[in-house]
PDB file of N, CA and C in Angstrom:
ATOM      1  N   MET A   1       0.852  -1.170   0.000  1.00  0.00           N
ATOM      2  CA  MET A   1       0.000   0.000   0.000  1.00  0.00           C
ATOM      3  C   MET A   1       0.896   1.232   0.000  1.00  0.00           C
ATOM      4  N   ASN A   2       0.629   2.146  -0.897  1.00  0.00           N
ATOM      5  CA  ASN A   2       1.388   3.384  -0.964  1.00  0.00           C
ATOM      6  C   ASN A   2       0.632   4.454  -0.182  1.00  0.00           C
ATOM      7  N   ILE A   3       1.210   4.920   0.900  1.00  0.00           N
ATOM      8  CA  ILE A   3       0.523   5.849   1.802  1.00  0.00           C
ATOM      9  C   ILE A   3       0.170   7.165   1.120  1.00  0.00           C
ATOM     10  N   GLN A   4       0.951   7.605   0.143  1.00  0.00           N
ATOM     11  CA  GLN A   4       0.674   8.866  -0.526  1.00  0.00           C
ATOM     12  C   GLN A   4      -0.598   8.780  -1.382  1.00  0.00           C
ATOM     13  N   LYS A   5      -0.951   7.602  -1.861  1.00  0.00           N
ATOM     14  CA  LYS A   5      -2.129   7.445  -2.704  1.00  0.00           C
ATOM     15  C   LYS A   5      -3.332   6.978  -1.904  1.00  0.00           C
ATOM     16  N   PHE A   6      -3.220   6.903  -0.609  1.00  0.00           N
ATOM     17  CA  PHE A   6      -4.288   6.392   0.242  1.00  0.00           C
ATOM     18  C   PHE A   6      -5.462   7.359   0.247  1.00  0.00           C
ATOM     19  N   ALA A   7      -6.652   6.887  -0.055  1.00  0.00           N
ATOM     20  CA  ALA A   7      -7.821   7.754  -0.202  1.00  0.00           C
ATOM     21  C   ALA A   7      -8.772   7.635   0.982  1.00  0.00           C
ATOM     22  N   ALA A   8      -8.252   7.383   2.149  1.00  0.00           N
ATOM     23  CA  ALA A   8      -9.092   7.154   3.327  1.00  0.00           C
ATOM     24  C   ALA A   8      -9.784   8.423   3.782  1.00  0.00           C
ATOM     25  N   ALA A   9     -10.847   8.228   4.543  1.00  0.00           N
ATOM     26  CA  ALA A   9     -11.490   9.350   5.220  1.00  0.00           C
ATOM     27  C   ALA A   9     -10.522   9.897   6.257  1.00  0.00           C
ATOM     28  N   GLU A  10     -10.556  11.193   6.494  1.00  0.00           N
ATOM     29  CA  GLU A  10      -9.709  11.782   7.527  1.00  0.00           C
ATOM     30  C   GLU A  10     -10.381  11.598   8.873  1.00  0.00           C
ATOM     31  N   GLY A  11      -9.682  10.989   9.797  1.00  0.00           N
ATOM     32  CA  GLY A  11     -10.205  10.847  11.146  1.00  0.00           C
ATOM     33  C   GLY A  11      -9.840  12.064  11.973  1.00  0.00           C
ATOM     34  N   THR A  12     -10.675  12.376  12.935  1.00  0.00           N
ATOM     35  CA  THR A  12     -10.364  13.486  13.828  1.00  0.00           C
ATOM     36  C   THR A  12      -9.747  12.938  15.103  1.00  0.00           C
ATOM     37  N   THR A  13      -8.875  13.711  15.699  1.00  0.00           N
ATOM     38  CA  THR A  13      -8.204  13.311  16.931  1.00  0.00           C
ATOM     39  C   THR A  13      -8.698  14.195  18.055  1.00  0.00           C
ATOM     40  N   LEU A  14      -9.091  13.584  19.127  1.00  0.00           N
ATOM     41  CA  LEU A  14      -9.589  14.323  20.273  1.00  0.00           C
ATOM     42  C   LEU A  14      -8.459  14.471  21.277  1.00  0.00           C
ATOM     43  N   LYS A  15      -8.094  15.709  21.619  1.00  0.00           N
ATOM     44  CA  LYS A  15      -7.072  15.948  22.631  1.00  0.00           C
ATOM     45  C   LYS A  15      -7.744  16.139  23.972  1.00  0.00           C
ATOM     46  N   VAL A  16      -7.224  15.476  24.990  1.00  0.00           N
ATOM     47  CA  VAL A  16      -7.826  15.502  26.315  1.00  0.00           C
ATOM     48  C   VAL A  16      -6.842  16.121  27.299  1.00  0.00           C
ATOM     49  N   ARG A  17      -7.329  17.048  28.091  1.00  0.00           N
ATOM     50  CA  ARG A  17      -6.500  17.617  29.154  1.00  0.00           C
ATOM     51  C   ARG A  17      -6.932  16.994  30.471  1.00  0.00           C
ATOM     52  N   GLU A  18      -6.017  16.967  31.422  1.00  0.00           N
ATOM     53  CA  GLU A  18      -6.311  16.332  32.703  1.00  0.00           C
ATOM     54  C   GLU A  18      -7.431  17.032  33.460  1.00  0.00           C
ATOM     55  N   ASP A  19      -7.614  18.326  33.261  1.00  0.00           N
ATOM     56  CA  ASP A  19      -8.627  19.054  34.017  1.00  0.00           C
ATOM     57  C   ASP A  19     -10.011  18.994  33.376  1.00  0.00           C
ATOM     58  N   GLU A  20     -10.144  18.310  32.232  1.00  0.00           N
ATOM     59  CA  GLU A  20     -11.443  18.173  31.601  1.00  0.00           C
ATOM     60  C   GLU A  20     -12.165  16.966  32.178  1.00  0.00           C
ATOM     61  N   GLY A  21     -13.464  17.054  32.226  1.00  0.00           N
ATOM     62  CA  GLY A  21     -14.244  15.981  32.795  1.00  0.00           C
ATOM     63  C   GLY A  21     -14.703  14.981  31.751  1.00  0.00           C
ATOM     64  N   PHE A  22     -15.904  15.158  31.245  1.00  0.00           N
ATOM     65  CA  PHE A  22     -16.498  14.197  30.338  1.00  0.00           C
ATOM     66  C   PHE A  22     -16.123  14.495  28.891  1.00  0.00           C
ATOM     67  N   LEU A  23     -16.152  13.465  28.070  1.00  0.00           N
ATOM     68  CA  LEU A  23     -15.788  13.599  26.667  1.00  0.00           C
ATOM     69  C   LEU A  23     -16.995  13.324  25.790  1.00  0.00           C
ATOM     70  N   ALA A  24     -17.157  14.104  24.753  1.00  0.00           N
ATOM     71  CA  ALA A  24     -18.180  13.840  23.743  1.00  0.00           C
ATOM     72  C   ALA A  24     -17.451  13.393  22.484  1.00  0.00           C
ATOM     73  N   LEU A  25     -17.561  12.131  22.139  1.00  0.00           N
ATOM     74  CA  LEU A  25     -16.848  11.590  20.990  1.00  0.00           C
ATOM     75  C   LEU A  25     -17.691  11.697  19.733  1.00  0.00           C
ATOM     76  N   THR A  26     -17.040  12.040  18.640  1.00  0.00           N
ATOM     77  CA  THR A  26     -17.675  12.024  17.328  1.00  0.00           C
ATOM     78  C   THR A  26     -16.837  11.102  16.453  1.00  0.00           C
ATOM     79  N   PRO A  27     -17.090   9.798  16.532  1.00  0.00           N
ATOM     80  CA  PRO A  27     -16.273   8.864  15.756  1.00  0.00           C
ATOM     81  C   PRO A  27     -16.528   8.985  14.257  1.00  0.00           C
ATOM     82  N   VAL A  28     -15.554   8.529  13.465  1.00  0.00           N
ATOM     83  CA  VAL A  28     -15.607   8.603  12.009  1.00  0.00           C
ATOM     84  C   VAL A  28     -15.897   7.209  11.466  1.00  0.00           C
ATOM     85  N   ALA A  29     -16.813   7.119  10.496  1.00  0.00           N
ATOM     86  CA  ALA A  29     -17.149   5.832   9.889  1.00  0.00           C
ATOM     87  C   ALA A  29     -15.980   5.311   9.057  1.00  0.00           C
ATOM     88  N   VAL A  30     -15.771   4.016   9.118  1.00  0.00           N
ATOM     89  CA  VAL A  30     -14.697   3.362   8.371  1.00  0.00           C
ATOM     90  C   VAL A  30     -15.129   3.187   6.917  1.00  0.00           C
ATOM     91  N   ASP A  31     -14.273   3.575   6.001  1.00  0.00           N
ATOM     92  CA  ASP A  31     -14.475   3.278   4.591  1.00  0.00           C
ATOM     93  C   ASP A  31     -14.000   1.840   4.387  1.00  0.00           C
ATOM     94  N   THR A  32     -14.863   0.965   3.877  1.00  0.00           N
ATOM     95  CA  THR A  32     -14.506  -0.458   3.795  1.00  0.00           C
ATOM     96  C   THR A  32     -13.394  -0.741   2.795  1.00  0.00           C
ATOM     97  N   THR A  33     -13.165   0.151   1.855  1.00  0.00           N
ATOM     98  CA  THR A  33     -12.078  -0.040   0.891  1.00  0.00           C
ATOM     99  C   THR A  33     -10.777   0.557   1.400  1.00  0.00           C
ATOM    100  N   ASP A  34     -10.822   1.802   1.850  1.00  0.00           N
ATOM    101  CA  ASP A  34      -9.602   2.519   2.200  1.00  0.00           C
ATOM    102  C   ASP A  34      -9.401   2.746   3.692  1.00  0.00           C
ATOM    103  N   GLY A  35     -10.410   2.586   4.495  1.00  0.00           N
ATOM    104  CA  GLY A  35     -10.261   2.764   5.931  1.00  0.00           C
ATOM    105  C   GLY A  35     -10.314   4.221   6.362  1.00  0.00           C
ATOM    106  N   ILE A  36      -9.642   4.506   7.461  1.00  0.00           N
ATOM    107  CA  ILE A  36      -9.537   5.855   8.021  1.00  0.00           C
ATOM    108  C   ILE A  36      -8.063   6.169   8.199  1.00  0.00           C
ATOM    109  N   LYS A  37      -7.686   7.398   7.900  1.00  0.00           N
ATOM    110  CA  LYS A  37      -6.312   7.837   8.130  1.00  0.00           C
ATOM    111  C   LYS A  37      -6.355   8.937   9.184  1.00  0.00           C
ATOM    112  N   PHE A  38      -5.712   8.686  10.325  1.00  0.00           N
ATOM    113  CA  PHE A  38      -5.576   9.699  11.361  1.00  0.00           C
ATOM    114  C   PHE A  38      -4.223  10.367  11.189  1.00  0.00           C
ATOM    115  N   ASN A  39      -4.206  11.699  11.141  1.00  0.00           N
ATOM    116  CA  ASN A  39      -2.961  12.444  11.039  1.00  0.00           C
ATOM    117  C   ASN A  39      -2.548  12.868  12.445  1.00  0.00           C
ATOM    118  N   LEU A  40      -1.543  12.210  12.988  1.00  0.00           N
ATOM    119  CA  LEU A  40      -1.096  12.456  14.355  1.00  0.00           C
ATOM    120  C   LEU A  40       0.286  13.099  14.385  1.00  0.00           C
ATOM    121  N   LYS A  41       0.668  13.732  13.285  1.00  0.00           N
ATOM    122  CA  LYS A  41       1.971  14.390  13.221  1.00  0.00           C
ATOM    123  C   LYS A  41       2.045  15.461  14.310  1.00  0.00           C
ATOM    124  N   GLY A  42       3.112  15.437  15.056  1.00  0.00           N
ATOM    125  CA  GLY A  42       3.306  16.408  16.118  1.00  0.00           C
ATOM    126  C   GLY A  42       2.755  15.991  17.466  1.00  0.00           C
ATOM    127  N   VAL A  43       2.025  14.880  17.512  1.00  0.00           N
ATOM    128  CA  VAL A  43       1.518  14.388  18.798  1.00  0.00           C
ATOM    129  C   VAL A  43       2.695  13.832  19.589  1.00  0.00           C
ATOM    130  N   LYS A  44       2.854  14.295  20.802  1.00  0.00           N
ATOM    131  CA  LYS A  44       4.039  13.939  21.568  1.00  0.00           C
ATOM    132  C   LYS A  44       3.787  12.804  22.564  1.00  0.00           C
ATOM    133  N   ASN A  45       2.764  12.027  22.343  1.00  0.00           N
ATOM    134  CA  ASN A  45       2.451  10.925  23.241  1.00  0.00           C
ATOM    135  C   ASN A  45       3.092   9.629  22.770  1.00  0.00           C
ATOM    136  N   ASP A  46       3.368   8.747  23.712  1.00  0.00           N
ATOM    137  CA  ASP A  46       3.865   7.418  23.379  1.00  0.00           C
ATOM    138  C   ASP A  46       2.722   6.460  23.071  1.00  0.00           C
ATOM    139  N   TYR A  47       1.533   6.814  23.559  1.00  0.00           N
ATOM    140  CA  TYR A  47       0.368   5.954  23.370  1.00  0.00           C
ATOM    141  C   TYR A  47      -0.835   6.798  22.992  1.00  0.00           C
ATOM    142  N   LEU A  48      -1.798   6.157  22.342  1.00  0.00           N
ATOM    143  CA  LEU A  48      -3.077   6.785  22.104  1.00  0.00           C
ATOM    144  C   LEU A  48      -4.157   5.751  22.361  1.00  0.00           C
ATOM    145  N   LEU A  49      -5.350   6.231  22.543  1.00  0.00           N
ATOM    146  CA  LEU A  49      -6.480   5.372  22.825  1.00  0.00           C
ATOM    147  C   LEU A  49      -7.386   5.364  21.602  1.00  0.00           C
ATOM    148  N   LEU A  50      -7.735   4.184  21.125  1.00  0.00           N
ATOM    149  CA  LEU A  50      -8.670   4.053  20.020  1.00  0.00           C
ATOM    150  C   LEU A  50      -9.972   3.484  20.547  1.00  0.00           C
ATOM    151  N   VAL A  51     -11.069   4.107  20.156  1.00  0.00           N
ATOM    152  CA  VAL A  51     -12.390   3.622  20.525  1.00  0.00           C
ATOM    153  C   VAL A  51     -13.101   3.259  19.226  1.00  0.00           C
ATOM    154  N   ALA A  52     -13.511   1.999  19.102  1.00  0.00           N
ATOM    155  CA  ALA A  52     -14.235   1.537  17.920  1.00  0.00           C
ATOM    156  C   ALA A  52     -15.631   1.103  18.354  1.00  0.00           C
ATOM    157  N   VAL A  53     -16.631   1.569  17.622  1.00  0.00           N
ATOM    158  CA  VAL A  53     -18.025   1.274  17.940  1.00  0.00           C
ATOM    159  C   VAL A  53     -18.661   0.611  16.726  1.00  0.00           C
ATOM    160  N   SER A  54     -19.349  -0.512  16.960  1.00  0.00           N
ATOM    161  CA  SER A  54     -20.055  -1.188  15.878  1.00  0.00           C
ATOM    162  C   SER A  54     -21.538  -0.879  15.970  1.00  0.00           C
ATOM    163  N   GLU A  55     -22.082  -0.443  14.849  1.00  0.00           N
ATOM    164  CA  GLU A  55     -23.524  -0.227  14.756  1.00  0.00           C
ATOM    165  C   GLU A  55     -24.174  -1.327  13.923  1.00  0.00           C
ATOM    166  N   GLU A  56     -23.427  -2.417  13.706  1.00  0.00           N
ATOM    167  CA  GLU A  56     -23.958  -3.580  13.001  1.00  0.00           C
ATOM    168  C   GLU A  56     -25.032  -4.222  13.864  1.00  0.00           C
ATOM    169  N   ALA A  57     -26.158  -4.570  13.257  1.00  0.00           N
ATOM    170  CA  ALA A  57     -27.276  -5.106  14.019  1.00  0.00           C
ATOM    171  C   ALA A  57     -27.144  -6.595  14.333  1.00  0.00           C
ATOM    172  N   SER A  58     -26.483  -7.356  13.457  1.00  0.00           N
ATOM    173  CA  SER A  58     -26.581  -8.798  13.648  1.00  0.00           C
ATOM    174  C   SER A  58     -25.281  -9.587  13.605  1.00  0.00           C
ATOM    175  N   GLU A  59     -24.172  -9.004  13.185  1.00  0.00           N
ATOM    176  CA  GLU A  59     -22.967  -9.822  13.079  1.00  0.00           C
ATOM    177  C   GLU A  59     -21.716  -9.093  13.549  1.00  0.00           C
ATOM    178  N   ALA A  60     -20.750  -9.882  14.012  1.00  0.00           N
ATOM    179  CA  ALA A  60     -19.463  -9.340  14.450  1.00  0.00           C
ATOM    180  C   ALA A  60     -18.652  -8.901  13.237  1.00  0.00           C
ATOM    181  N   LYS A  61     -17.855  -7.860  13.418  1.00  0.00           N
ATOM    182  CA  LYS A  61     -16.968  -7.353  12.368  1.00  0.00           C
ATOM    183  C   LYS A  61     -15.605  -7.069  12.983  1.00  0.00           C
ATOM    184  N   ASP A  62     -14.593  -6.999  12.135  1.00  0.00           N
ATOM    185  CA  ASP A  62     -13.239  -6.703  12.598  1.00  0.00           C
ATOM    186  C   ASP A  62     -12.853  -5.263  12.298  1.00  0.00           C
ATOM    187  N   VAL A  63     -11.996  -4.718  13.160  1.00  0.00           N
ATOM    188  CA  VAL A  63     -11.329  -3.438  12.935  1.00  0.00           C
ATOM    189  C   VAL A  63      -9.843  -3.757  12.947  1.00  0.00           C
ATOM    190  N   THR A  64      -9.107  -3.252  11.961  1.00  0.00           N
ATOM    191  CA  THR A  64      -7.687  -3.568  11.855  1.00  0.00           C
ATOM    192  C   THR A  64      -6.854  -2.304  11.898  1.00  0.00           C
ATOM    193  N   ILE A  65      -5.905  -2.267  12.829  1.00  0.00           N
ATOM    194  CA  ILE A  65      -4.916  -1.199  12.909  1.00  0.00           C
ATOM    195  C   ILE A  65      -3.740  -1.681  12.063  1.00  0.00           C
ATOM    196  N   LYS A  66      -3.496  -0.980  10.967  1.00  0.00           N
ATOM    197  CA  LYS A  66      -2.512  -1.436   9.996  1.00  0.00           C
ATOM    198  C   LYS A  66      -1.083  -1.194  10.489  1.00  0.00           C
ATOM    199  N   ALA A  67      -0.234  -2.179  10.269  1.00  0.00           N
ATOM    200  CA  ALA A  67       1.194  -2.004  10.540  1.00  0.00           C
ATOM    201  C   ALA A  67       1.705  -0.928   9.586  1.00  0.00           C
ATOM    202  N   PRO A  68       2.622  -0.077  10.036  1.00  0.00           N
ATOM    203  CA  PRO A  68       3.104   0.999   9.164  1.00  0.00           C
ATOM    204  C   PRO A  68       3.845   0.476   7.941  1.00  0.00           C
ATOM    205  N   THR A  69       3.671   1.178   6.824  1.00  0.00           N
ATOM    206  CA  THR A  69       4.410   0.844   5.610  1.00  0.00           C
ATOM    207  C   THR A  69       5.752   1.571   5.583  1.00  0.00           C
ATOM    208  N   ASN A  70       5.867   2.617   6.398  1.00  0.00           N
ATOM    209  CA  ASN A  70       7.099   3.395   6.500  1.00  0.00           C
ATOM    210  C   ASN A  70       7.213   3.862   7.947  1.00  0.00           C
ATOM    211  N   GLY A  71       7.536   2.930   8.832  1.00  0.00           N
ATOM    212  CA  GLY A  71       7.555   3.234  10.252  1.00  0.00           C
ATOM    213  C   GLY A  71       8.943   3.393  10.826  1.00  0.00           C
ATOM    214  N   SER A  72       8.990   3.619  12.126  1.00  0.00           N
ATOM    215  CA  SER A  72      10.248   3.812  12.831  1.00  0.00           C
ATOM    216  C   SER A  72      10.935   2.470  13.085  1.00  0.00           C
ATOM    217  N   TYR A  73      12.039   2.513  13.773  1.00  0.00           N
ATOM    218  CA  TYR A  73      12.795   1.300  14.095  1.00  0.00           C
ATOM    219  C   TYR A  73      11.978   0.325  14.941  1.00  0.00           C
ATOM    220  N   ALA A  74      10.997   0.825  15.678  1.00  0.00           N
ATOM    221  CA  ALA A  74      10.192  -0.019  16.563  1.00  0.00           C
ATOM    222  C   ALA A  74       8.858  -0.411  15.944  1.00  0.00           C
ATOM    223  N   ALA A  75       8.697  -0.195  14.645  1.00  0.00           N
ATOM    224  CA  ALA A  75       7.405  -0.420  13.984  1.00  0.00           C
ATOM    225  C   ALA A  75       6.981  -1.883  14.030  1.00  0.00           C
ATOM    226  N   ALA A  76       5.681  -2.079  14.173  1.00  0.00           N
ATOM    227  CA  ALA A  76       5.109  -3.423  14.141  1.00  0.00           C
ATOM    228  C   ALA A  76       5.254  -3.999  12.740  1.00  0.00           C
ATOM    229  N   ASP A  77       5.429  -5.305  12.658  1.00  0.00           N
ATOM    230  CA  ASP A  77       5.513  -5.935  11.342  1.00  0.00           C
ATOM    231  C   ASP A  77       4.227  -6.676  10.977  1.00  0.00           C
ATOM    232  N   ALA A  78       3.217  -6.573  11.853  1.00  0.00           N
ATOM    233  CA  ALA A  78       1.925  -7.210  11.574  1.00  0.00           C
ATOM    234  C   ALA A  78       0.794  -6.288  12.023  1.00  0.00           C
ATOM    235  N   ASP A  79      -0.340  -6.426  11.365  1.00  0.00           N
ATOM    236  CA  ASP A  79      -1.514  -5.653  11.733  1.00  0.00           C
ATOM    237  C   ASP A  79      -2.053  -6.123  13.082  1.00  0.00           C
ATOM    238  N   LEU A  80      -2.811  -5.259  13.741  1.00  0.00           N
ATOM    239  CA  LEU A  80      -3.489  -5.595  14.991  1.00  0.00           C
ATOM    240  C   LEU A  80      -4.984  -5.578  14.704  1.00  0.00           C
ATOM    241  N   THR A  81      -5.659  -6.712  14.916  1.00  0.00           N
ATOM    242  CA  THR A  81      -7.080  -6.824  14.609  1.00  0.00           C
ATOM    243  C   THR A  81      -7.892  -6.955  15.886  1.00  0.00           C
ATOM    244  N   LEU A  82      -8.943  -6.132  15.965  1.00  0.00           N
ATOM    245  CA  LEU A  82      -9.879  -6.175  17.079  1.00  0.00           C
ATOM    246  C   LEU A  82     -11.201  -6.698  16.554  1.00  0.00           C
ATOM    247  N   SER A  83     -11.816  -7.631  17.275  1.00  0.00           N
ATOM    248  CA  SER A  83     -13.111  -8.159  16.881  1.00  0.00           C
ATOM    249  C   SER A  83     -14.200  -7.403  17.630  1.00  0.00           C
ATOM    250  N   LEU A  84     -15.162  -6.900  16.888  1.00  0.00           N
ATOM    251  CA  LEU A  84     -16.279  -6.160  17.471  1.00  0.00           C
ATOM    252  C   LEU A  84     -17.557  -6.984  17.349  1.00  0.00           C
ATOM    253  N   ALA A  85     -18.203  -7.243  18.463  1.00  0.00           N
ATOM    254  CA  ALA A  85     -19.494  -7.913  18.432  1.00  0.00           C
ATOM    255  C   ALA A  85     -20.519  -6.958  17.833  1.00  0.00           C
ATOM    256  N   ALA A  86     -21.634  -7.502  17.353  1.00  0.00           N
ATOM    257  CA  ALA A  86     -22.709  -6.659  16.828  1.00  0.00           C
ATOM    258  C   ALA A  86     -23.141  -5.698  17.924  1.00  0.00           C
ATOM    259  N   GLY A  87     -23.105  -4.407  17.626  1.00  0.00           N
ATOM    260  CA  GLY A  87     -23.471  -3.392  18.612  1.00  0.00           C
ATOM    261  C   GLY A  87     -22.440  -3.192  19.708  1.00  0.00           C
ATOM    262  N   GLY A  88     -21.233  -3.746  19.537  1.00  0.00           N
ATOM    263  CA  GLY A  88     -20.208  -3.699  20.579  1.00  0.00           C
ATOM    264  C   GLY A  88     -19.261  -2.522  20.477  1.00  0.00           C
ATOM    265  N   VAL A  89     -18.429  -2.411  21.492  1.00  0.00           N
ATOM    266  CA  VAL A  89     -17.420  -1.358  21.583  1.00  0.00           C
ATOM    267  C   VAL A  89     -16.085  -2.025  21.901  1.00  0.00           C
ATOM    268  N   ALA A  90     -15.008  -1.565  21.263  1.00  0.00           N
ATOM    269  CA  ALA A  90     -13.663  -2.024  21.576  1.00  0.00           C
ATOM    270  C   ALA A  90     -12.800  -0.802  21.856  1.00  0.00           C
ATOM    271  N   VAL A  91     -11.975  -0.915  22.882  1.00  0.00           N
ATOM    272  CA  VAL A  91     -11.039   0.152  23.238  1.00  0.00           C
ATOM    273  C   VAL A  91      -9.648  -0.461  23.256  1.00  0.00           C
ATOM    274  N   ALA A  92      -8.706   0.203  22.601  1.00  0.00           N
ATOM    275  CA  ALA A  92      -7.341  -0.308  22.545  1.00  0.00           C
ATOM    276  C   ALA A  92      -6.351   0.814  22.816  1.00  0.00           C
ATOM    277  N   ARG A  93      -5.351   0.517  23.609  1.00  0.00           N
ATOM    278  CA  ARG A  93      -4.235   1.438  23.860  1.00  0.00           C
ATOM    279  C   ARG A  93      -3.139   1.063  22.863  1.00  0.00           C
ATOM    280  N   ILE A  94      -2.780   2.012  22.006  1.00  0.00           N
ATOM    281  CA  ILE A  94      -1.873   1.753  20.894  1.00  0.00           C
ATOM    282  C   ILE A  94      -0.554   2.489  21.104  1.00  0.00           C
ATOM    283  N   SER A  95       0.538   1.788  20.906  1.00  0.00           N
ATOM    284  CA  SER A  95       1.863   2.409  20.947  1.00  0.00           C
ATOM    285  C   SER A  95       2.095   3.152  19.639  1.00  0.00           C
ATOM    286  N   THR A  96       2.346   4.454  19.731  1.00  0.00           N
ATOM    287  CA  THR A  96       2.577   5.236  18.514  1.00  0.00           C
ATOM    288  C   THR A  96       3.869   4.805  17.822  1.00  0.00           C
ATOM    289  N   ALA A  97       4.870   4.368  18.565  1.00  0.00           N
ATOM    290  CA  ALA A  97       6.122   3.925  17.954  1.00  0.00           C
ATOM    291  C   ALA A  97       5.903   2.674  17.103  1.00  0.00           C
ATOM    292  N   LYS A  98       4.925   1.865  17.456  1.00  0.00           N
ATOM    293  CA  LYS A  98       4.679   0.622  16.719  1.00  0.00           C
ATOM    294  C   LYS A  98       3.769   0.802  15.512  1.00  0.00           C
ATOM    295  N   TYR A  99       2.802   1.717  15.574  1.00  0.00           N
ATOM    296  CA  TYR A  99       1.778   1.746  14.542  1.00  0.00           C
ATOM    297  C   TYR A  99       1.709   3.024  13.711  1.00  0.00           C
ATOM    298  N   LEU A 100       2.447   4.064  14.058  1.00  0.00           N
ATOM    299  CA  LEU A 100       2.441   5.276  13.237  1.00  0.00           C
ATOM    300  C   LEU A 100       3.485   5.186  12.141  1.00  0.00           C
ATOM    301  N   ASN A 101       3.124   5.690  10.963  1.00  0.00           N
ATOM    302  CA  ASN A 101       4.095   5.854   9.892  1.00  0.00           C
ATOM    303  C   ASN A 101       4.981   7.049  10.235  1.00  0.00           C
ATOM    304  N   ASN A 102       6.118   7.161   9.582  1.00  0.00           N
ATOM    305  CA  ASN A 102       7.039   8.268   9.856  1.00  0.00           C
ATOM    306  C   ASN A 102       6.426   9.633   9.562  1.00  0.00           C
ATOM    307  N   ASP A 103       5.405   9.691   8.712  1.00  0.00           N
ATOM    308  CA  ASP A 103       4.741  10.971   8.431  1.00  0.00           C
ATOM    309  C   ASP A 103       3.648  11.295   9.453  1.00  0.00           C
ATOM    310  N   GLY A 104       3.501  10.458  10.490  1.00  0.00           N
ATOM    311  CA  GLY A 104       2.544  10.716  11.558  1.00  0.00           C
ATOM    312  C   GLY A 104       1.157  10.161  11.331  1.00  0.00           C
ATOM    313  N   THR A 105       0.977   9.364  10.299  1.00  0.00           N
ATOM    314  CA  THR A 105      -0.349   8.830  10.014  1.00  0.00           C
ATOM    315  C   THR A 105      -0.555   7.439  10.621  1.00  0.00           C
ATOM    316  N   LEU A 106      -1.791   7.178  10.968  1.00  0.00           N
ATOM    317  CA  LEU A 106      -2.226   5.881  11.484  1.00  0.00           C
ATOM    318  C   LEU A 106      -3.385   5.439  10.601  1.00  0.00           C
ATOM    319  N   ILE A 107      -3.328   4.211  10.089  1.00  0.00           N
ATOM    320  CA  ILE A 107      -4.347   3.708   9.178  1.00  0.00           C
ATOM    321  C   ILE A 107      -5.147   2.614   9.876  1.00  0.00           C
ATOM    322  N   ILE A 108      -6.488   2.753   9.792  1.00  0.00           N
ATOM    323  CA  ILE A 108      -7.384   1.774  10.390  1.00  0.00           C
ATOM    324  C   ILE A 108      -8.402   1.361   9.336  1.00  0.00           C
ATOM    325  N   THR A 109      -8.609   0.052   9.189  1.00  0.00           N
ATOM    326  CA  THR A 109      -9.604  -0.457   8.257  1.00  0.00           C
ATOM    327  C   THR A 109     -10.652  -1.248   9.030  1.00  0.00           C
ATOM    328  N   GLY A 110     -11.778  -1.490   8.389  1.00  0.00           N
ATOM    329  CA  GLY A 110     -12.847  -2.239   9.036  1.00  0.00           C
ATOM    330  C   GLY A 110     -13.720  -2.941   8.028  1.00  0.00           C
ATOM    331  N   GLY A 111     -14.524  -3.870   8.516  1.00  0.00           N
ATOM    332  CA  GLY A 111     -15.350  -4.691   7.652  1.00  0.00           C
ATOM    333  C   GLY A 111     -16.718  -4.121   7.350  1.00  0.00           C
ATOM    334  N   SER A 112     -17.006  -2.903   7.772  1.00  0.00           N
ATOM    335  CA  SER A 112     -18.330  -2.338   7.553  1.00  0.00           C
ATOM    336  C   SER A 112     -18.301  -0.828   7.739  1.00  0.00           C
ATOM    337  N   THR A 113     -19.141  -0.130   6.987  1.00  0.00           N
ATOM    338  CA  THR A 113     -19.281   1.315   7.194  1.00  0.00           C
ATOM    339  C   THR A 113     -20.064   1.612   8.462  1.00  0.00           C
ATOM    340  N   ASN A 114     -20.598   0.583   9.087  1.00  0.00           N
ATOM    341  CA  ASN A 114     -21.296   0.742  10.368  1.00  0.00           C
ATOM    342  C   ASN A 114     -20.344   0.675  11.550  1.00  0.00           C
ATOM    343  N   ILE A 115     -19.048   0.669  11.276  1.00  0.00           N
ATOM    344  CA  ILE A 115     -18.030   0.725  12.329  1.00  0.00           C
ATOM    345  C   ILE A 115     -17.467   2.136  12.339  1.00  0.00           C
ATOM    346  N   LYS A 116     -17.402   2.715  13.518  1.00  0.00           N
ATOM    347  CA  LYS A 116     -16.882   4.072  13.664  1.00  0.00           C
ATOM    348  C   LYS A 116     -15.726   4.062  14.663  1.00  0.00           C
ATOM    349  N   VAL A 117     -14.723   4.898  14.378  1.00  0.00           N
ATOM    350  CA  VAL A 117     -13.505   4.896  15.185  1.00  0.00           C
ATOM    351  C   VAL A 117     -13.140   6.330  15.585  1.00  0.00           C
ATOM    352  N   GLN A 118     -12.623   6.480  16.795  1.00  0.00           N
ATOM    353  CA  GLN A 118     -12.127   7.765  17.287  1.00  0.00           C
ATOM    354  C   GLN A 118     -10.759   7.537  17.924  1.00  0.00           C
ATOM    355  N   ALA A 119      -9.807   8.410  17.650  1.00  0.00           N
ATOM    356  CA  ALA A 119      -8.486   8.370  18.293  1.00  0.00           C
ATOM    357  C   ALA A 119      -8.467   9.455  19.377  1.00  0.00           C
ATOM    358  N   ILE A 120      -7.960   9.083  20.536  1.00  0.00           N
ATOM    359  CA  ILE A 120      -7.886  10.016  21.656  1.00  0.00           C
ATOM    360  C   ILE A 120      -6.442  10.095  22.123  1.00  0.00           C
ATOM    361  N   VAL A 121      -5.913  11.315  22.213  1.00  0.00           N
ATOM    362  CA  VAL A 121      -4.566  11.532  22.714  1.00  0.00           C
ATOM    363  C   VAL A 121      -4.631  12.483  23.892  1.00  0.00           C
ATOM    364  N   ARG A 122      -3.629  12.422  24.744  1.00  0.00           N
ATOM    365  CA  ARG A 122      -3.600  13.282  25.928  1.00  0.00           C
ATOM    366  C   ARG A 122      -2.539  14.317  25.801  1.00  0.00           C
TER     367      ARG A 122
END
């Protein structure tokens, strides 16, 4: 996959401060062909939190955090797949050193447009 030609939807990143209380998430729907691309360039965290929500009525679907195609020395060499039950929620703590490309992007794919994902950084 060539990251420069990736036509994914742009995901939004929610920044959280310690003094804030509740969060209102606006997750982005996964494009089943191209996924979601989160631009995390300049984020100074070692980890981020991904929240995936399935609005599928009857069947489980997968969400896949893609291994970087151009990552750092600590980059993962395999994708990370989360299984979402119908109507379920999955939360994952992701190491940015393992899953971000050198340009700061994170790619997530899913098996349905009824899956929505939000990235949260602190």
